[in-house]
Protein backbone atom coordinates (compact mmCIF):
# COMPACT_ATOMS: atom_id res chain seq x y z
CA UNK A 1 -20.13 2.46 10.31
CA UNK A 2 -23.89 2.34 9.19
CA UNK A 3 -25.59 0.78 12.47
CA UNK A 4 -28.75 0.83 14.31
CA UNK A 5 -28.62 1.54 17.96
CA UNK A 6 -26.56 -1.12 20.23
CA UNK A 7 -29.06 -3.70 21.60
CA UNK A 8 -27.46 -3.68 25.22
CA UNK A 9 -25.86 -0.76 27.24
CA UNK A 10 -22.59 -1.28 28.65
CA UNK A 11 -20.53 0.90 31.35
CA UNK A 12 -17.27 2.31 30.10
CA UNK A 13 -15.32 0.04 32.46
CA UNK A 14 -16.97 -3.07 30.85
CA UNK A 15 -16.30 -1.70 27.28
CA UNK A 16 -12.39 -0.91 28.26
CA UNK A 17 -12.19 -4.37 29.69
CA UNK A 18 -13.68 -6.07 26.48
CA UNK A 19 -11.44 -3.96 24.47
CA UNK A 20 -8.27 -4.88 26.17
CA UNK A 21 -9.13 -8.50 26.03
CA UNK A 22 -9.85 -8.24 22.23
CA UNK A 23 -6.76 -6.34 21.28
CA UNK A 24 -4.63 -7.93 23.63
CA UNK A 25 -5.39 -11.36 22.30
CA UNK A 26 -5.23 -10.03 18.78
CA UNK A 27 -1.75 -8.69 19.34
CA UNK A 28 -0.41 -11.79 21.43
CA UNK A 29 -1.38 -13.95 18.72
CA UNK A 30 0.10 -11.90 15.67
CA UNK A 31 3.43 -10.89 17.59
CA UNK A 32 4.19 -13.91 19.73
CA UNK A 33 2.42 -16.70 17.38
CA UNK A 34 3.20 -14.80 14.32
CA UNK A 35 -0.43 -15.54 13.09
CA UNK A 36 -1.99 -13.98 10.08
CA UNK A 37 -4.27 -11.22 11.38
CA UNK A 38 -7.48 -13.05 9.85
CA UNK A 39 -7.63 -16.01 12.58
CA UNK A 40 -7.08 -13.82 15.71
CA UNK A 41 -9.93 -11.65 14.52
CA UNK A 42 -12.22 -14.71 13.85
CA UNK A 43 -11.39 -15.87 17.51
CA UNK A 44 -12.38 -12.24 18.80
CA UNK A 45 -15.60 -12.64 16.64
CA UNK A 46 -16.42 -15.86 18.40
CA UNK A 47 -15.83 -14.41 21.87
CA UNK A 48 -17.99 -11.57 21.10
CA UNK A 49 -20.83 -13.87 19.80
CA UNK A 50 -20.32 -15.92 23.09
CA UNK A 51 -20.49 -12.72 25.38
CA UNK A 52 -23.64 -11.60 23.24
CA UNK A 53 -25.31 -15.05 24.00
CA UNK A 54 -24.62 -14.68 27.62
CA UNK A 55 -26.10 -11.13 27.50
CA UNK A 56 -29.25 -12.75 26.01
CA UNK A 57 -28.88 -11.06 22.53
CA UNK A 58 -30.64 -13.08 19.82
CA UNK A 59 -28.54 -14.82 17.06
CA UNK A 60 -30.22 -12.61 14.53
CA UNK A 61 -29.23 -9.55 16.01
CA UNK A 62 -25.52 -10.65 16.37
CA UNK A 63 -25.41 -11.69 12.73
CA UNK A 64 -27.09 -8.40 11.66
CA UNK A 65 -24.12 -6.54 13.50
CA UNK A 66 -21.59 -8.48 11.47
CA UNK A 67 -23.43 -7.99 8.17
CA UNK A 68 -23.78 -4.28 8.89
CA UNK A 69 -20.54 -3.95 9.69
CA UNK A 70 -19.03 -5.72 6.65
CA UNK A 71 -21.54 -3.89 4.34
CA UNK A 72 -19.63 -0.64 5.10
CA UNK A 73 -16.61 -1.87 3.46
CA UNK A 74 -18.00 -2.99 0.21
CA UNK A 75 -17.00 0.02 -1.49
CA UNK A 76 -13.48 -0.67 -0.60
CA UNK A 77 -13.71 -4.20 -1.81
CA UNK A 78 -14.89 -3.15 -4.90
CA UNK A 79 -12.02 -0.67 -5.45
CA UNK A 80 -9.60 -3.36 -4.40
CA UNK A 81 -10.66 -5.63 -7.35
CA UNK A 82 -10.19 -2.51 -9.69
CA UNK A 83 -6.89 -1.83 -8.18
CA UNK A 84 -5.43 -5.44 -8.51
CA UNK A 85 -6.28 -5.24 -12.26
CA UNK A 86 -4.95 -1.94 -12.61
CA UNK A 87 -1.48 -3.04 -11.35
CA UNK A 88 -1.07 -6.07 -13.36
CA UNK A 89 -2.38 -4.19 -16.51
CA UNK A 90 0.07 -1.24 -15.77
CA UNK A 91 2.88 -3.90 -15.57
CA UNK A 92 1.93 -5.61 -18.83
CA UNK A 93 1.68 -2.14 -20.57
CA UNK A 94 5.19 -0.94 -19.46
CA UNK A 95 3.66 1.79 -17.55
CA UNK A 96 5.10 0.85 -14.14
CA UNK A 97 8.44 -0.53 -15.50
CA UNK A 98 8.93 2.74 -17.25
CA UNK A 99 8.31 4.98 -14.11
CA UNK A 100 10.86 2.72 -12.51
CA UNK A 101 13.51 3.12 -15.08
CA UNK A 102 13.48 6.75 -15.04
CA UNK A 103 13.45 6.87 -11.48
CA UNK A 104 16.76 4.65 -11.41
CA UNK A 105 18.26 7.42 -14.03
CA UNK A 106 18.06 9.85 -11.11
CA UNK A 107 20.53 7.80 -9.13
CA UNK A 108 24.01 9.06 -9.23
CA UNK A 109 27.12 9.74 -6.54
CA UNK A 110 25.61 12.96 -5.53
CA UNK A 111 23.30 13.44 -2.56
CA UNK A 112 23.10 9.84 -2.22
CA UNK A 113 20.49 9.64 0.80
CA UNK A 114 18.31 12.28 -0.81
CA UNK A 115 18.36 10.33 -4.10
CA UNK A 116 17.58 7.22 -2.66
CA UNK A 117 14.42 8.93 -0.89
CA UNK A 118 13.21 10.57 -3.67
CA UNK A 119 13.65 7.37 -6.16
CA UNK A 120 11.80 5.07 -3.62
CA UNK A 121 9.07 7.67 -3.26
CA UNK A 122 8.57 7.75 -7.18
CA UNK A 123 8.54 4.04 -7.51
CA UNK A 124 6.48 3.75 -4.29
CA UNK A 125 3.76 5.93 -5.91
CA UNK A 126 4.01 4.06 -9.24
CA UNK A 127 3.51 0.61 -7.65
CA UNK A 128 1.43 1.53 -4.49
CA UNK A 129 3.40 -0.99 -2.26
CA UNK A 130 5.79 0.29 0.30
CA UNK A 131 7.04 -3.51 1.08
CA UNK A 132 7.55 -4.35 -2.47
CA UNK A 133 9.66 -1.27 -3.07
CA UNK A 134 11.62 -1.94 0.03
CA UNK A 135 12.10 -5.39 -0.84
CA UNK A 136 13.40 -4.81 -4.62
CA UNK A 137 15.05 -1.36 -5.02
CA UNK A 138 15.63 -1.03 -1.19
CA UNK A 139 17.73 -4.11 -1.31
CA UNK A 140 19.74 -2.80 -4.29
CA UNK A 141 20.01 0.49 -2.51
CA UNK A 142 21.31 -1.26 0.77
CA UNK A 143 23.98 -3.08 -1.56
CA UNK A 144 25.25 0.18 -3.07
CA UNK A 145 25.39 1.92 0.41
CA UNK A 146 27.52 -1.16 1.66
CA UNK A 147 29.66 -1.07 -1.46
CA UNK A 148 30.38 2.62 -0.65
CA UNK A 149 30.75 2.09 2.95
CA UNK A 150 27.83 4.53 3.78
CA UNK A 151 25.53 4.20 6.80
CA UNK A 152 23.25 1.29 6.51
CA UNK A 153 20.62 3.00 9.01
CA UNK A 154 20.31 5.98 7.33
CA UNK A 155 20.20 4.48 3.84
CA UNK A 156 17.34 2.05 5.33
CA UNK A 157 15.66 5.37 6.69
CA UNK A 158 15.67 7.18 3.46
CA UNK A 159 14.32 3.95 1.67
CA UNK A 160 11.46 3.60 4.28
CA UNK A 161 10.59 7.15 4.07
CA UNK A 162 10.33 7.03 0.45
CA UNK A 163 8.76 3.84 0.12
CA UNK A 164 5.99 4.76 2.75
CA UNK A 165 5.52 8.25 1.16
CA UNK A 166 4.56 6.30 -2.06
CA UNK A 167 2.31 4.04 -0.12
CA UNK A 168 0.50 7.00 1.42
CA UNK A 169 -0.26 9.00 -1.81
CA UNK A 170 -0.55 6.42 -4.11
CA UNK A 171 -4.12 5.66 -5.51
CA UNK A 172 -2.92 2.04 -6.19
CA UNK A 173 -2.07 1.58 -2.50
CA UNK A 174 -4.40 -0.79 -0.36
CA UNK A 175 -4.19 1.44 2.83
CA UNK A 176 -4.82 4.62 0.75
CA UNK A 177 -8.01 3.12 -0.54
CA UNK A 178 -8.89 1.54 2.82
CA UNK A 179 -8.55 4.82 4.81
CA UNK A 180 -10.82 6.72 2.24
CA UNK A 181 -13.46 3.92 2.15
CA UNK A 182 -13.70 3.45 5.79
CA UNK A 183 -14.98 6.85 6.47
CA UNK A 184 -16.75 7.00 2.99
CA UNK A 185 -14.43 9.72 1.57
CA UNK A 186 -13.72 10.08 -2.14
CA UNK A 187 -10.27 8.54 -3.07
CA UNK A 188 -8.99 11.41 -4.99
CA UNK A 189 -10.15 13.94 -2.64
CA UNK A 190 -8.38 11.97 0.31
CA UNK A 191 -5.22 12.07 -1.52
CA UNK A 192 -5.43 15.75 -2.30
CA UNK A 193 -6.24 16.56 1.17
CA UNK A 194 -3.18 14.49 2.46
CA UNK A 195 -0.97 16.92 0.61
CA UNK A 196 -1.32 19.30 3.61
CA UNK A 197 0.76 17.14 5.77
CA UNK A 198 2.55 15.17 3.09
CA UNK A 199 4.24 17.93 1.42
CA UNK A 200 5.76 19.62 4.57
CA UNK A 201 6.82 16.19 5.72
CA UNK A 202 8.52 15.20 2.24
CA UNK A 203 10.32 18.74 1.87
CA UNK A 204 11.70 18.61 5.54
CA UNK A 205 12.80 14.87 5.07
CA UNK A 206 14.53 15.75 1.87
CA UNK A 207 16.40 18.65 3.41
CA UNK A 208 17.65 16.39 6.48
CA UNK A 209 18.60 13.67 4.02
CA UNK A 210 20.47 16.21 1.68
CA UNK A 211 22.30 17.58 4.86
CA UNK A 212 23.29 13.83 6.01
CA UNK A 213 24.32 12.95 2.45
CA UNK A 214 28.21 12.62 1.81
CA UNK A 215 29.52 15.34 -0.65
CA UNK A 216 31.89 12.93 -2.52
CA UNK A 217 31.72 9.30 -2.92
CA UNK A 218 33.19 6.79 -5.49
CA UNK A 219 30.84 5.68 -8.37
CA UNK A 220 29.87 2.14 -7.83
CA UNK A 221 26.42 1.42 -9.31
CA UNK A 222 26.62 -1.89 -11.13
CA UNK A 223 23.49 -3.11 -9.51
CA UNK A 224 21.42 -0.14 -10.67
CA UNK A 225 22.86 -0.25 -13.99
CA UNK A 226 22.12 -4.05 -14.38
CA UNK A 227 18.35 -3.16 -13.41
CA UNK A 228 18.09 -0.45 -16.08
CA UNK A 229 19.41 -2.79 -18.77
CA UNK A 230 17.29 -5.68 -17.82
CA UNK A 231 14.15 -3.32 -18.00
CA UNK A 232 15.20 -2.04 -21.46
CA UNK A 233 15.89 -5.57 -22.74
CA UNK A 234 12.70 -6.67 -21.60
CA UNK A 235 11.01 -3.97 -23.95
CA UNK A 236 9.00 -2.54 -21.32
CA UNK A 237 10.38 0.97 -21.37
CA UNK A 238 8.55 3.32 -23.54
CA UNK A 239 7.12 6.93 -23.30
CA UNK A 240 3.82 6.13 -24.82
CA UNK A 241 3.45 3.87 -21.91
CA UNK A 242 2.80 7.04 -19.80
CA UNK A 243 -0.75 7.28 -21.57
CA UNK A 244 -2.57 5.23 -19.14
CA UNK A 245 -1.22 7.27 -16.28
CA UNK A 246 -1.86 10.48 -17.96
CA UNK A 247 -5.43 9.36 -18.59
CA UNK A 248 -5.82 8.42 -14.74
CA UNK A 249 -4.33 11.60 -13.65
CA UNK A 250 -6.58 13.86 -15.92
CA UNK A 251 -9.89 12.09 -14.67
CA UNK A 252 -8.52 12.24 -11.10
CA UNK A 253 -8.08 16.11 -11.48
CA UNK A 254 -11.55 16.35 -12.90
CA UNK A 255 -12.82 14.45 -9.82
CA UNK A 256 -14.42 11.40 -11.72
CA UNK A 257 -15.57 8.79 -9.50
CA UNK A 258 -12.70 6.43 -8.74
CA UNK A 259 -14.33 3.40 -10.01
CA UNK A 260 -14.69 5.20 -13.63
CA UNK A 261 -11.09 6.55 -13.28
CA UNK A 262 -9.49 3.13 -12.50
CA UNK A 263 -11.66 1.41 -15.42
CA UNK A 264 -10.36 3.86 -18.09
CA UNK A 265 -6.79 3.52 -16.59
CA UNK A 266 -7.34 -0.46 -17.06
CA UNK A 267 -8.49 -0.28 -20.58
CA UNK A 268 -6.11 2.35 -21.90
CA UNK A 269 -3.24 0.12 -20.33
CA UNK A 270 -4.50 -3.07 -21.72
CA UNK A 271 -4.58 -1.51 -25.48
CA UNK A 272 -0.98 -0.16 -24.87
CA UNK A 273 0.01 -3.77 -23.50
CA UNK A 274 -1.05 -5.46 -26.77
CA UNK A 275 1.23 -2.65 -28.46
CA UNK A 276 4.23 -3.38 -26.05
CA UNK A 277 3.85 -7.10 -26.18
CA UNK A 278 3.42 -8.45 -29.63
CA UNK A 279 2.89 -11.99 -28.39
CA UNK A 280 0.24 -11.22 -25.82
CA UNK A 281 -3.18 -13.00 -26.19
CA UNK A 282 -6.37 -12.36 -25.04
CA UNK A 283 -6.10 -15.77 -22.69
CA UNK A 284 -2.88 -14.22 -21.24
CA UNK A 285 -4.64 -11.03 -20.59
CA UNK A 286 -7.40 -12.55 -18.61
CA UNK A 287 -4.75 -14.68 -16.70
CA UNK A 288 -2.76 -11.62 -15.60
CA UNK A 289 -6.04 -9.64 -14.55
CA UNK A 290 -6.75 -12.18 -12.28
CA UNK A 291 -3.49 -13.90 -11.06
CA UNK A 292 -1.25 -10.85 -11.75
CA UNK A 293 1.44 -10.22 -14.19
CA UNK A 294 4.52 -12.58 -13.97
CA UNK A 295 8.12 -11.89 -15.02
CA UNK A 296 10.99 -14.58 -15.71
CA UNK A 297 13.90 -12.36 -16.61
CA UNK A 298 16.46 -14.05 -14.85
CA UNK A 299 17.09 -10.93 -12.47
CA UNK A 300 15.51 -11.65 -9.30
CA UNK A 301 15.06 -8.06 -8.16
CA UNK A 302 13.18 -7.29 -11.58
CA UNK A 303 10.86 -10.48 -11.25
CA UNK A 304 9.99 -9.39 -7.75
CA UNK A 305 9.52 -5.82 -8.68
CA UNK A 306 7.43 -6.71 -11.83
CA UNK A 307 5.52 -9.69 -10.77
CA UNK A 308 2.36 -8.13 -8.95
CA UNK A 309 -1.04 -7.28 -9.38
CA UNK A 310 -4.22 -8.92 -10.11
CA UNK A 311 -7.48 -9.66 -8.36
CA UNK A 312 -5.78 -12.76 -6.51
CA UNK A 313 -3.39 -10.38 -4.88
CA UNK A 314 -6.13 -8.38 -3.31
CA UNK A 315 -7.86 -11.45 -1.58
CA UNK A 316 -5.83 -11.08 1.49
CA UNK A 317 -6.71 -7.47 2.06
CA UNK A 318 -10.26 -7.90 1.08
CA UNK A 319 -10.72 -10.80 3.53
CA UNK A 320 -8.90 -8.94 6.33
CA UNK A 321 -11.13 -5.87 5.67
CA UNK A 322 -14.61 -7.66 5.75
CA UNK A 323 -13.47 -9.68 8.87
CA UNK A 324 -12.25 -6.52 10.59
CA UNK A 325 -15.44 -4.53 9.71
CA UNK A 326 -17.72 -7.54 10.85
CA UNK A 327 -15.88 -7.36 14.26
CA UNK A 328 -16.40 -3.56 14.44
CA UNK A 329 -20.15 -4.26 13.53
CA UNK A 330 -20.41 -6.69 16.74
CA UNK A 331 -18.50 -4.23 19.01
CA UNK A 332 -20.89 -1.57 18.04
CA UNK A 333 -23.98 -3.98 18.22
CA UNK A 334 -22.97 -5.06 21.78
CA UNK A 335 -22.41 -1.41 22.85
CA UNK A 336 -18.68 -1.63 23.24
CA UNK A 337 -17.72 1.28 20.83
CA UNK A 338 -20.73 3.66 22.12
CA UNK A 339 -19.52 3.05 25.68
CA UNK A 340 -16.13 3.92 24.75
CA UNK A 341 -17.18 6.84 22.96
CA UNK A 342 -19.45 7.92 25.85
CA UNK A 343 -16.36 7.47 28.35
CA UNK A 344 -14.26 9.82 26.03
CA UNK A 345 -16.95 12.22 25.40
CA UNK A 346 -15.41 14.87 27.68
CA UNK A 347 -12.07 14.66 25.88
CA UNK A 348 -13.76 14.80 22.23
CA UNK A 349 -16.07 18.06 22.49
CA UNK A 350 -13.02 20.28 21.43
CA UNK A 351 -11.14 19.72 17.94
CA UNK A 352 -7.75 19.68 19.48
CA UNK A 353 -8.44 16.85 21.92
CA UNK A 354 -10.36 14.96 19.31
CA UNK A 355 -7.24 15.08 17.04
CA UNK A 356 -4.91 14.22 19.85
CA UNK A 357 -7.08 11.26 20.90
CA UNK A 358 -7.39 9.90 17.11
CA UNK A 359 -3.80 10.21 16.63
CA UNK A 360 -3.08 8.47 20.05
CA UNK A 361 -5.29 5.59 19.08
CA UNK A 362 -4.07 5.09 15.68
CA UNK A 363 -0.58 4.95 17.07
CA UNK A 364 -1.58 2.84 20.00
CA UNK A 365 -3.19 0.24 18.01
CA UNK A 366 -0.08 -0.01 15.80
CA UNK A 367 2.06 -0.60 18.68
CA UNK A 368 -0.41 -2.79 20.60
CA UNK A 369 -1.48 -5.05 17.58
CA UNK A 370 1.25 -4.45 15.06
CA UNK A 371 -1.01 -4.13 12.10
CA UNK A 372 -1.67 -1.23 10.02
CA UNK A 373 -4.90 -2.28 8.60
CA UNK A 374 -6.47 -2.91 12.00
CA UNK A 375 -5.11 0.51 13.11
CA UNK A 376 -6.84 2.22 10.26
CA UNK A 377 -10.11 -0.01 10.43
CA UNK A 378 -10.58 0.34 14.39
CA UNK A 379 -9.55 3.97 14.52
CA UNK A 380 -11.64 4.88 11.48
CA UNK A 381 -14.75 3.23 12.84
CA UNK A 382 -14.49 4.41 16.58
CA UNK A 383 -14.01 8.11 15.60
CA UNK A 384 -16.28 8.54 12.62
CA UNK A 385 -19.31 9.51 14.63
CA UNK A 386 -17.12 12.16 16.72
CA UNK A 387 -15.77 13.75 13.67
CA UNK A 388 -19.35 14.07 12.24
CA UNK A 389 -20.57 15.50 15.83
CA UNK A 390 -17.69 17.94 15.69
CA UNK A 391 -19.08 19.28 12.40
CA UNK A 392 -15.59 18.35 10.62
CA UNK A 393 -15.44 16.69 7.10
CA UNK A 394 -14.64 13.08 7.29
CA UNK A 395 -11.45 13.66 5.02
CA UNK A 396 -9.90 15.25 8.18
CA UNK A 397 -10.33 11.73 9.73
CA UNK A 398 -9.05 9.68 6.90
CA UNK A 399 -6.01 11.82 6.67
CA UNK A 400 -5.20 11.25 10.33
CA UNK A 401 -5.79 7.58 9.83
CA UNK A 402 -2.85 7.68 7.18
CA UNK A 403 -0.59 10.06 9.04
CA UNK A 404 -0.67 7.89 12.39
CA UNK A 405 -1.64 4.67 10.91
CA UNK A 406 -0.09 3.73 7.78
CA UNK A 407 3.36 5.26 8.14
CA UNK A 408 3.90 4.42 11.91
CA UNK A 409 3.83 0.39 11.27
CA UNK A 410 7.53 0.33 9.98
CA UNK A 411 8.53 1.98 13.16
CA UNK A 412 7.11 -0.89 15.37
CA UNK A 413 9.91 -3.71 15.80
CA UNK A 414 7.03 -6.25 16.37
CA UNK A 415 4.86 -4.82 13.67
CA UNK A 416 4.14 -6.47 10.41
CA UNK A 417 6.26 -3.87 8.32
CA UNK A 418 8.76 -3.58 11.04
CA UNK A 419 9.59 -7.11 10.97
CA UNK A 420 9.55 -7.36 7.08
CA UNK A 421 11.77 -4.47 6.67
CA UNK A 422 14.44 -5.52 9.17
CA UNK A 423 14.51 -8.91 7.42
CA UNK A 424 14.90 -7.66 3.78
CA UNK A 425 17.17 -4.51 4.63
CA UNK A 426 19.15 -6.50 7.31
CA UNK A 427 18.97 -3.17 9.52
CA UNK A 428 17.14 -3.47 12.83
CA UNK A 429 14.13 -1.23 13.49
CA UNK A 430 15.89 0.44 16.28
CA UNK A 431 18.79 1.24 14.31
CA UNK A 432 16.71 2.77 11.34
CA UNK A 433 13.98 4.54 13.38
CA UNK A 434 15.57 7.61 14.01
CA UNK A 435 16.21 8.34 10.31
CA UNK A 436 12.67 7.55 9.08
CA UNK A 437 11.94 11.30 9.10
CA UNK A 438 9.12 10.89 6.85
CA UNK A 439 7.19 8.43 8.91
CA UNK A 440 7.98 10.51 12.05
CA UNK A 441 7.15 13.80 10.81
CA UNK A 442 3.48 12.97 9.52
CA UNK A 443 1.79 12.27 13.08
CA UNK A 444 3.45 15.48 14.33
CA UNK A 445 2.21 17.67 11.53
CA UNK A 446 -1.27 16.27 11.59
CA UNK A 447 -1.27 17.01 15.46
CA UNK A 448 0.09 20.51 14.78
CA UNK A 449 -2.86 21.00 12.37
CA UNK A 450 -5.28 19.62 14.74
CA UNK A 451 -4.12 21.86 17.59
CA UNK A 452 -4.03 25.04 15.61
CA UNK A 453 -6.86 24.16 13.26
CA UNK A 454 -5.05 24.96 10.22
CA UNK A 455 -6.04 23.07 7.19
CA UNK A 456 -9.06 21.56 9.12
CA UNK A 457 -12.32 21.48 6.77
CA UNK A 458 -15.60 21.52 8.36
CA UNK A 459 -19.08 20.56 6.96
């Protein structure tokens, strides 16, 4: 966070008390009263403003603290706008529907759990949303698993593992963009660096799901077949719909800036969209770029799966990012974050303890607040300076934010993702938790790297 020096100096004990009060208030509001995160954060900002005035800090300084904090997130905000347009344009061009179709082609009676894991991972990457993947394909797979009398907790574990693999690694994911932008790391460099922890976690998870999969089960995949047939009937499955993805991949490999890469992905997909949809008008294009692509196929799962994207869909994330960063700016301006870092300075002078503390903070914030965005934002802002002092490249920090932040939230029974997934899949968090191998492995692997120094990049 780009801030000047704090205007007041607090003791570590004062900083801890203020932090517990703020995080406790936010967590109680979200968990007990089911409030959206924005309101508790605004209330926390009110309390910090009151605290600042009691400490005789000028209103101008307090305002500057919030503004400076919010400024650090403008890069993420701009990316979110482009991501929203990319998702809706990829829906209209058939790029995402074609990905989904070929992923469903992989589903058969052999190695059911491992196939579910791989398919949800592919779809998760293609649409960049773990919850959407779980709420659509996940529900379909739960239905198939129930019909075949297979284990629902293991099926749910495979669905969540694959969906959050996709959420973590997709350039379309808001958490992936958020983690890279909070610590000012190039999006595609961040994704590339995450491969060190993601690939081992993926391979181990795949092996475990393969071992757990039954060898012989009767074929009963009417739901999957129906989804594939509907996608074909909608004329959204074409090989040339992969062109926007290829362009995006090539530019990403060449390390072209994220904004330019996403712009070419949007433009190319809009051209393909006019080829795929003969009745698409310029007005219709402008509408789905802002409000998102909509579908009325008559099949609820398809409508939910394809009805996504648009700038409007990103406004929730954008507003939360700006408010949380403004809160972080106030915490810095009032000396709370510096005092906490001073108190932990004895633990942070070595790389292993720095990584362990960062991982523990990200996981702890998830369990305390139940919100993955806040876990990424608060942990990233708190430890950015420490990673710089340790001479470490900040892409190490952005990787930790995903390994211990993004993938942990579905394991929290009172977390936003945990509550959502339990509701849509019909399997309790405690039941599926032991089988979410990917989510469990990521923080362990990133801790191993931090303790051994492997894959750690220094400046």
